[in-house]
Protein backbone atom coordinates (compact mmCIF):
# COMPACT_ATOMS: atom_id res chain seq x y z
CA MET A 1 2.81 132.50 60.78
CA ILE A 2 -0.31 130.15 62.41
CA ALA A 3 -2.58 131.12 64.76
CA VAL A 4 -5.52 129.75 66.80
CA ILE A 5 -8.61 131.69 68.49
CA GLN A 6 -10.48 130.37 71.04
CA ALA A 7 -13.80 131.84 69.82
CA GLY A 8 -16.05 129.07 71.70
CA GLY A 9 -17.08 130.36 74.69
CA LYS A 10 -20.26 132.06 75.63
CA GLY A 11 -19.08 135.26 77.60
CA ILE A 12 -21.17 134.52 80.13
CA ARG A 13 -19.20 137.80 82.32
CA LEU A 14 -20.78 140.28 79.04
CA ARG A 15 -24.48 138.75 80.12
CA PRO A 16 -27.41 139.78 78.96
CA TYR A 17 -25.00 141.69 75.65
CA THR A 18 -23.59 138.13 74.92
CA MET A 19 -27.16 136.32 74.87
CA LEU A 20 -27.81 137.63 71.20
CA LEU A 21 -23.95 138.44 70.60
CA PRO A 22 -21.28 136.17 70.64
CA LYS A 23 -17.83 137.82 72.50
CA PRO A 24 -16.00 138.15 69.54
CA LEU A 25 -18.96 140.64 68.27
CA MET A 26 -18.95 142.50 70.90
CA PRO A 27 -17.78 145.79 69.46
CA VAL A 28 -14.03 147.95 70.77
CA GLY A 29 -14.62 151.25 69.11
CA ASP A 30 -16.47 151.35 65.19
CA LEU A 31 -14.92 147.33 65.16
CA PRO A 32 -16.17 143.82 66.46
CA VAL A 33 -13.22 142.11 68.46
CA ILE A 34 -12.80 140.00 65.92
CA GLU A 35 -11.30 141.96 63.61
CA VAL A 36 -9.16 144.25 65.75
CA ILE A 37 -7.35 140.57 66.87
CA LEU A 38 -7.25 139.22 62.71
CA LYS A 39 -5.60 142.81 62.14
CA TRP A 40 -3.53 142.30 64.57
CA LEU A 41 -2.70 139.06 64.00
CA ARG A 42 -1.77 139.93 60.37
CA ARG A 43 0.61 142.94 61.50
CA TRP A 44 2.78 141.34 63.03
CA GLY A 45 3.01 138.19 60.53
CA VAL A 46 0.47 135.86 61.20
CA THR A 47 -1.40 134.55 57.50
CA LYS A 48 -3.20 132.11 58.56
CA THR A 49 -6.08 131.17 61.27
CA TYR A 50 -8.17 129.02 62.60
CA ILE A 51 -11.32 129.89 64.65
CA THR A 52 -12.90 127.73 67.12
CA LEU A 53 -17.13 128.15 67.41
CA GLY A 54 -19.53 127.23 69.45
CA HIS A 55 -21.75 129.29 71.12
CA LEU A 56 -23.21 131.20 67.94
CA GLY A 57 -20.47 130.65 66.07
CA HIS A 58 -22.68 131.07 63.14
CA LEU A 59 -22.66 134.65 62.95
CA ILE A 60 -18.38 134.64 63.22
CA ARG A 61 -18.73 133.14 60.17
CA ALA A 62 -20.38 135.51 58.56
CA LEU A 63 -18.86 138.73 59.52
CA CYS A 64 -14.81 136.78 58.68
CA GLY A 65 -15.97 134.95 56.09
CA ASP A 66 -12.54 133.45 53.90
CA GLY A 67 -10.80 136.39 55.81
CA LYS A 68 -9.86 137.74 52.71
CA GLN A 69 -10.72 141.37 53.17
CA TRP A 70 -7.54 141.21 55.64
CA ASP A 71 -5.46 139.54 54.21
CA VAL A 72 -5.83 136.14 56.02
CA GLU A 73 -6.49 132.94 55.52
CA ILE A 74 -9.40 131.43 57.69
CA LYS A 75 -10.24 128.36 58.93
CA TYR A 76 -13.15 127.02 61.30
CA ASN A 77 -13.24 124.36 63.22
CA GLN A 78 -17.37 123.90 65.22
CA GLU A 79 -16.49 122.53 68.29
CA PRO A 80 -19.30 119.39 69.07
CA GLU A 81 -19.76 120.65 72.71
CA PRO A 82 -17.69 122.91 75.05
CA MET A 83 -14.20 122.10 75.20
CA GLY A 84 -12.81 124.68 77.53
CA THR A 85 -10.04 127.00 76.15
CA ILE A 86 -7.80 124.62 75.50
CA GLY A 87 -9.46 121.72 74.64
CA PRO A 88 -10.61 122.75 71.20
CA LEU A 89 -6.56 122.49 69.75
CA LYS A 90 -6.93 118.59 69.54
CA LEU A 91 -9.48 118.87 67.25
CA LEU A 92 -6.90 120.61 65.21
CA LYS A 93 -3.52 117.92 65.40
CA ASN A 94 -4.40 117.10 62.11
CA GLU A 95 -3.77 120.61 60.72
CA LEU A 96 -0.87 122.16 64.03
CA LYS A 97 1.84 120.90 62.45
CA GLU A 98 4.44 123.66 63.12
CA THR A 99 4.89 126.10 66.15
CA PHE A 100 2.01 128.36 66.46
CA PHE A 101 -0.23 131.04 68.72
CA ASN A 102 -3.05 130.52 70.57
CA ILE A 103 -5.31 133.32 71.11
CA ASN A 104 -7.72 134.12 73.58
CA SER A 105 -10.90 136.29 71.55
CA ASP A 106 -11.55 138.69 74.96
CA LEU A 107 -7.78 140.11 74.46
CA ILE A 108 -6.77 143.92 73.04
CA THR A 109 -2.77 144.58 73.05
CA ASP A 110 0.11 145.50 71.25
CA LEU A 111 2.17 142.73 72.43
CA ASN A 112 4.67 142.51 69.63
CA LEU A 113 4.04 137.95 68.39
CA ARG A 114 7.64 138.59 66.22
CA ALA A 115 9.35 138.82 69.82
CA LEU A 116 7.21 137.03 71.01
CA ARG A 117 8.31 134.48 68.88
CA ALA A 118 12.00 134.99 68.88
CA PHE A 119 11.87 134.51 72.59
CA HIS A 120 9.99 130.83 72.49
CA VAL A 121 12.07 129.58 70.13
CA GLU A 122 15.24 130.87 71.98
CA HIS A 123 14.41 128.84 74.78
CA GLY A 124 12.51 125.73 73.68
CA GLY A 125 9.99 123.57 75.78
CA MET A 126 6.31 123.05 74.67
CA ILE A 127 4.83 126.38 75.62
CA THR A 128 5.64 130.15 76.26
CA VAL A 129 2.66 132.38 77.87
CA ALA A 130 2.22 135.48 77.48
CA VAL A 131 1.99 137.40 80.99
CA THR A 132 1.87 141.13 82.52
CA GLU A 133 1.19 142.75 85.59
CA ARG A 134 -2.39 143.21 87.31
CA ILE A 135 -2.26 144.73 90.72
CA VAL A 136 -5.93 143.25 92.45
CA LYS A 137 -7.52 145.08 95.38
CA SER A 138 -8.96 143.49 97.96
CA GLU A 139 -12.53 145.20 99.09
CA LEU A 140 -11.82 143.21 102.49
CA GLY A 141 -10.03 143.70 105.27
CA VAL A 142 -7.27 140.71 105.35
CA PHE A 143 -5.41 138.79 108.55
CA GLU A 144 -2.45 137.25 108.67
CA THR A 145 -2.13 134.64 111.04
CA GLU A 146 -0.51 132.60 112.93
CA ASN A 147 -1.34 129.04 115.38
CA SER A 148 -5.02 130.76 115.15
CA GLN A 149 -3.48 134.38 116.22
CA MET A 150 -3.21 137.76 114.65
CA ILE A 151 0.22 138.93 113.51
CA ASP A 152 -0.56 141.74 111.11
CA PHE A 153 -3.41 143.10 109.39
CA HIS A 154 -4.48 144.58 106.37
CA GLU A 155 -7.72 146.72 104.91
CA LYS A 156 -8.47 146.39 101.71
CA PRO A 157 -4.64 145.84 100.52
CA ALA A 158 -3.54 145.92 96.34
CA MET A 159 -1.03 142.36 95.50
CA LYS A 160 1.17 142.21 92.47
CA TYR A 161 0.18 139.73 89.48
CA LEU A 162 1.53 138.10 87.12
CA ALA A 163 -1.58 137.15 85.11
CA SER A 164 -1.73 134.75 81.82
CA CYS A 165 -2.56 137.53 79.03
CA GLY A 166 -4.34 135.46 76.89
CA VAL A 167 -1.90 134.48 74.45
CA TYR A 168 0.36 131.42 73.87
CA CYS A 169 3.83 130.26 71.34
CA MET A 170 3.13 126.33 71.29
CA GLU A 171 4.78 123.98 69.53
CA PRO A 172 2.26 120.77 68.67
CA GLU A 173 3.64 118.21 70.85
CA ILE A 174 1.87 120.12 73.72
CA LEU A 175 -1.50 118.55 71.98
CA ASP A 176 -0.16 115.17 72.76
CA LEU A 177 -0.79 116.41 76.80
CA ILE A 178 -4.71 117.24 75.69
CA PRO A 179 -7.66 114.26 76.18
CA ASN A 180 -9.80 113.06 73.96
CA GLY A 181 -13.72 114.23 74.24
CA VAL A 182 -13.44 116.09 77.80
CA PRO A 183 -13.39 120.02 78.21
CA PHE A 184 -9.49 121.09 79.53
CA GLY A 185 -8.38 124.53 80.33
CA PHE A 186 -5.57 126.54 80.63
CA ASP A 187 -5.49 125.45 84.23
CA ASP A 188 -5.60 121.69 83.25
CA LEU A 189 -2.82 122.57 81.18
CA MET A 190 -0.88 124.10 83.30
CA ASN A 191 -0.94 121.66 86.39
CA ILE A 192 -0.12 118.57 84.08
CA MET A 193 3.14 120.01 82.89
CA LEU A 194 3.79 121.03 87.35
CA GLN A 195 3.40 117.49 87.65
CA LYS A 196 5.36 116.55 84.55
CA LYS A 197 7.92 118.79 85.52
CA LEU A 198 7.72 120.37 81.99
CA PRO A 199 9.11 123.88 81.35
CA VAL A 200 7.00 126.10 80.74
CA TRP A 201 8.49 129.97 79.97
CA LEU A 202 7.11 133.21 80.26
CA TYR A 203 7.41 136.65 78.37
CA HIS A 204 6.60 140.03 79.89
CA HIS A 205 4.34 141.92 78.40
CA GLU A 206 4.73 145.48 80.09
CA GLY A 207 2.28 147.09 77.71
CA LEU A 208 -1.04 146.81 76.67
CA TRP A 209 -3.23 144.38 78.02
CA LEU A 210 -6.82 144.15 78.24
CA ASP A 211 -10.00 141.57 78.78
CA ILE A 212 -12.80 142.87 77.22
CA GLY A 213 -14.91 139.64 78.81
CA ARG A 214 -14.22 141.73 82.48
CA ALA A 215 -16.72 144.41 82.03
CA GLU A 216 -14.75 146.67 84.15
CA ASP A 217 -11.75 146.61 80.82
CA TYR A 218 -14.26 146.76 78.09
CA ARG A 219 -15.90 150.14 79.27
CA SER A 220 -11.96 151.18 79.66
CA VAL A 221 -11.89 149.96 76.13
CA GLN A 222 -14.85 151.58 74.92
CA LYS A 223 -13.47 154.88 75.92
CA SER A 224 -10.70 155.14 74.08
CA PHE A 225 -9.86 152.41 71.64
CA MET A 226 -10.77 155.39 68.88
CA LYS A 227 -7.63 157.70 70.05
CA ASP A 228 -5.08 155.69 71.53
CA TYR A 229 -5.43 151.97 71.66
CA LYS A 230 -6.20 151.82 67.68
CA MET A 231 -3.08 153.06 67.04
CA ARG A 232 -0.94 150.54 69.41
CA VAL A 233 -2.48 147.86 68.95
CA LEU A 234 -3.01 148.15 64.27
CA GLY A 235 -0.20 150.70 63.65
CA ALA A 236 -3.04 152.47 62.08
C-alpha cells in the first residue's frame, strides 16, 4: 500500500516552536511525530510513502532519509510554494496510479488502515474520509431565534460533530479535480464534490485520535504517549 504524508505546512498553531522546527518533527514522548506516523503506516502494511515538503523541509529529509530504518521506501516532493492540504497531490500525478492513503502530518491515531481500505473498496467512489466524533464546548451563551425573537437559550452548550481525522483513502481519479498551480485545501475538495454530486464515504473511527497541531491535544499526547498511546498506535 502507498501513502502520501502532507508535511509542508508551517505549523502556525504551535508557534513559536515551529519557527525553528517543522511540525512533523515536534516530539511526542521520545519520538518525532513523523516517525510515529511512519511506524504506524508500516504496521498496517504501507511500504511506500511520499512526503510533501515545504517549511523547513530539509530537516524532515535529514531525519527520515530513504526510510530503510523503518522498512519503508520514502520519496520526497518539494512544494514550490504553499499549495494547501490537498494541492500537493497534483505534483504526484505521475506516481499515484493506484489506491492510496493521504495523511496529515500532525496526528496520532490507532486507526486500522486495512479496515479503512476495505471499507473504501467495498463502497466505491473516489474518496473515503476517516471521521471521529468530537465534542466542542462553546464559551458563550447561545440563542435560538425566530423572527428576531428568542425561542431558546443555552449557556455554554456542548455540541457533537463528526470531524475529519486527516486520514483519507483515495483513488487516482480524484487528482483530476485538483487545479494546477493554486493552493487547494480539503475544504475546496469537499465543496467541489458536493457541487458535482460525487459520493464521499465516511469511515467512523471510535479509537484514539489526537491533532497534535492543537496545543491542548499536544499536551495530552505528551503526558500519555509513553505509558499508553505507544502500544495502541505502534503495537509495541
